[in-house]
Amino acid sequence: MDNKQQYDEKYKVYESSINRHVYDNVPGKKTVFDVGCNAGSLGELLKREKGCVVWDINKLPLPFGKGEFDEILCN
């Protein structure tokens, strides 16, 4: 089973959303700030499968300063 099939099987709710596009375009091993993360499924997938460090807007206060993120997601 390839990555897309695994993703679609685990997260069928995202098949028609932007999350698939976002997932595909975030390189591995990045620090990501996910704005509008809903339940956090995309962030969890990025952590587990791509080794990213993911912060989400729902976890306040956020302990970071300017320039600490490689990617900022709003999905």
C-alpha atoms as a PDB file:
ATOM      1  CA  MET A   1       0.000   0.000   0.000  1.00  0.00           C
ATOM      2  CA  ASP A   2       1.500   3.385  -0.979  1.00  0.00           C
ATOM      3  CA  ASN A   3       1.442   6.552   1.161  1.00  0.00           C
ATOM      4  CA  LYS A   4      -1.658   7.985  -0.512  1.00  0.00           C
ATOM      5  CA  GLN A   5      -3.609   4.775   0.042  1.00  0.00           C
ATOM      6  CA  GLN A   6      -2.494   4.648   3.680  1.00  0.00           C
ATOM      7  CA  TYR A   7      -3.457   8.280   4.188  1.00  0.00           C
ATOM      8  CA  ASP A   8      -6.850   7.844   2.530  1.00  0.00           C
ATOM      9  CA  GLU A   9      -7.573   4.724   4.557  1.00  0.00           C
ATOM     10  CA  LYS A  10      -6.674   6.365   7.881  1.00  0.00           C
ATOM     11  CA  TYR A  11      -8.211   9.752   7.170  1.00  0.00           C
ATOM     12  CA  LYS A  12     -11.086   9.220   4.743  1.00  0.00           C
ATOM     13  CA  VAL A  13     -12.732  12.401   5.971  1.00  0.00           C
ATOM     14  CA  TYR A  14      -9.961  14.397   4.244  1.00  0.00           C
ATOM     15  CA  GLU A  15     -10.143  12.783   0.798  1.00  0.00           C
ATOM     16  CA  SER A  16     -11.873  15.775  -0.782  1.00  0.00           C
ATOM     17  CA  SER A  17     -10.312  18.511   1.349  1.00  0.00           C
ATOM     18  CA  ILE A  18      -7.182  20.615   1.107  1.00  0.00           C
ATOM     19  CA  ASN A  19      -5.489  18.541   3.792  1.00  0.00           C
ATOM     20  CA  ARG A  20      -4.257  15.990   1.238  1.00  0.00           C
ATOM     21  CA  HIS A  21      -2.629  18.784  -0.745  1.00  0.00           C
ATOM     22  CA  VAL A  22      -1.158  20.314   2.410  1.00  0.00           C
ATOM     23  CA  TYR A  23       0.159  16.951   3.605  1.00  0.00           C
ATOM     24  CA  ASP A  24       1.853  16.290   0.270  1.00  0.00           C
ATOM     25  CA  ASN A  25       3.531  19.714   0.255  1.00  0.00           C
ATOM     26  CA  VAL A  26       5.005  19.772   3.761  1.00  0.00           C
ATOM     27  CA  PRO A  27       8.534  18.356   3.673  1.00  0.00           C
ATOM     28  CA  GLY A  28       9.637  15.997   6.416  1.00  0.00           C
ATOM     29  CA  LYS A  29      11.488  17.055   9.562  1.00  0.00           C
ATOM     30  CA  LYS A  30      10.009  20.596   9.613  1.00  0.00           C
ATOM     31  CA  THR A  31       8.582  22.681  12.443  1.00  0.00           C
ATOM     32  CA  VAL A  32       4.967  23.455  11.595  1.00  0.00           C
ATOM     33  CA  PHE A  33       2.434  25.854  13.122  1.00  0.00           C
ATOM     34  CA  ASP A  34      -1.050  24.563  12.265  1.00  0.00           C
ATOM     35  CA  VAL A  35      -3.698  27.299  12.392  1.00  0.00           C
ATOM     36  CA  GLY A  36      -7.248  25.977  12.164  1.00  0.00           C
ATOM     37  CA  CYS A  37      -6.181  22.448  13.001  1.00  0.00           C
ATOM     38  CA  ASN A  38      -9.648  21.263  14.092  1.00  0.00           C
ATOM     39  CA  ALA A  39      -9.083  17.895  15.823  1.00  0.00           C
ATOM     40  CA  GLY A  40      -5.373  17.866  14.949  1.00  0.00           C
ATOM     41  CA  SER A  41      -5.408  14.799  12.693  1.00  0.00           C
ATOM     42  CA  LEU A  42      -3.249  16.393  10.004  1.00  0.00           C
ATOM     43  CA  GLY A  43      -0.676  17.485  12.576  1.00  0.00           C
ATOM     44  CA  GLU A  44      -0.588  14.017  14.106  1.00  0.00           C
ATOM     45  CA  LEU A  45      -0.038  12.504  10.667  1.00  0.00           C
ATOM     46  CA  LEU A  46       2.794  14.963   9.924  1.00  0.00           C
ATOM     47  CA  LYS A  47       4.450  14.076  13.249  1.00  0.00           C
ATOM     48  CA  ARG A  48       4.071  10.329  12.859  1.00  0.00           C
ATOM     49  CA  GLU A  49       4.849   9.883   9.172  1.00  0.00           C
ATOM     50  CA  LYS A  50       7.104  12.832   8.307  1.00  0.00           C
ATOM     51  CA  GLY A  51       8.878  13.461  11.606  1.00  0.00           C
ATOM     52  CA  CYS A  52       7.639  17.043  11.869  1.00  0.00           C
ATOM     53  CA  VAL A  53       7.304  19.023  15.080  1.00  0.00           C
ATOM     54  CA  VAL A  54       3.764  20.420  15.039  1.00  0.00           C
ATOM     55  CA  TRP A  55       2.303  23.198  17.175  1.00  0.00           C
ATOM     56  CA  ASP A  56      -1.377  24.002  16.941  1.00  0.00           C
ATOM     57  CA  ILE A  57      -3.191  27.229  17.721  1.00  0.00           C
ATOM     58  CA  ASN A  58      -5.445  25.450  20.226  1.00  0.00           C
ATOM     59  CA  LYS A  59      -2.539  24.798  22.593  1.00  0.00           C
ATOM     60  CA  LEU A  60      -2.118  28.193  24.232  1.00  0.00           C
ATOM     61  CA  PRO A  61       0.094  29.715  25.429  1.00  0.00           C
ATOM     62  CA  LEU A  62       2.520  28.845  22.674  1.00  0.00           C
ATOM     63  CA  PRO A  63       6.177  29.090  23.708  1.00  0.00           C
ATOM     64  CA  PHE A  64       7.816  30.445  20.582  1.00  0.00           C
ATOM     65  CA  GLY A  65       9.093  33.650  19.053  1.00  0.00           C
ATOM     66  CA  LYS A  66       9.472  35.174  15.615  1.00  0.00           C
ATOM     67  CA  GLY A  67      11.146  32.990  12.984  1.00  0.00           C
ATOM     68  CA  GLU A  68      10.751  29.641  14.737  1.00  0.00           C
ATOM     69  CA  PHE A  69       8.565  27.895  12.150  1.00  0.00           C
ATOM     70  CA  ASP A  70       9.359  26.460   8.735  1.00  0.00           C
ATOM     71  CA  GLU A  71       5.703  26.083   7.737  1.00  0.00           C
ATOM     72  CA  ILE A  72       2.420  27.651   8.925  1.00  0.00           C
ATOM     73  CA  LEU A  73      -0.777  25.815   7.966  1.00  0.00           C
ATOM     74  CA  CYS A  74      -4.317  27.156   7.912  1.00  0.00           C
ATOM     75  CA  ASN A  75      -6.563  24.391   6.616  1.00  0.00           C
END
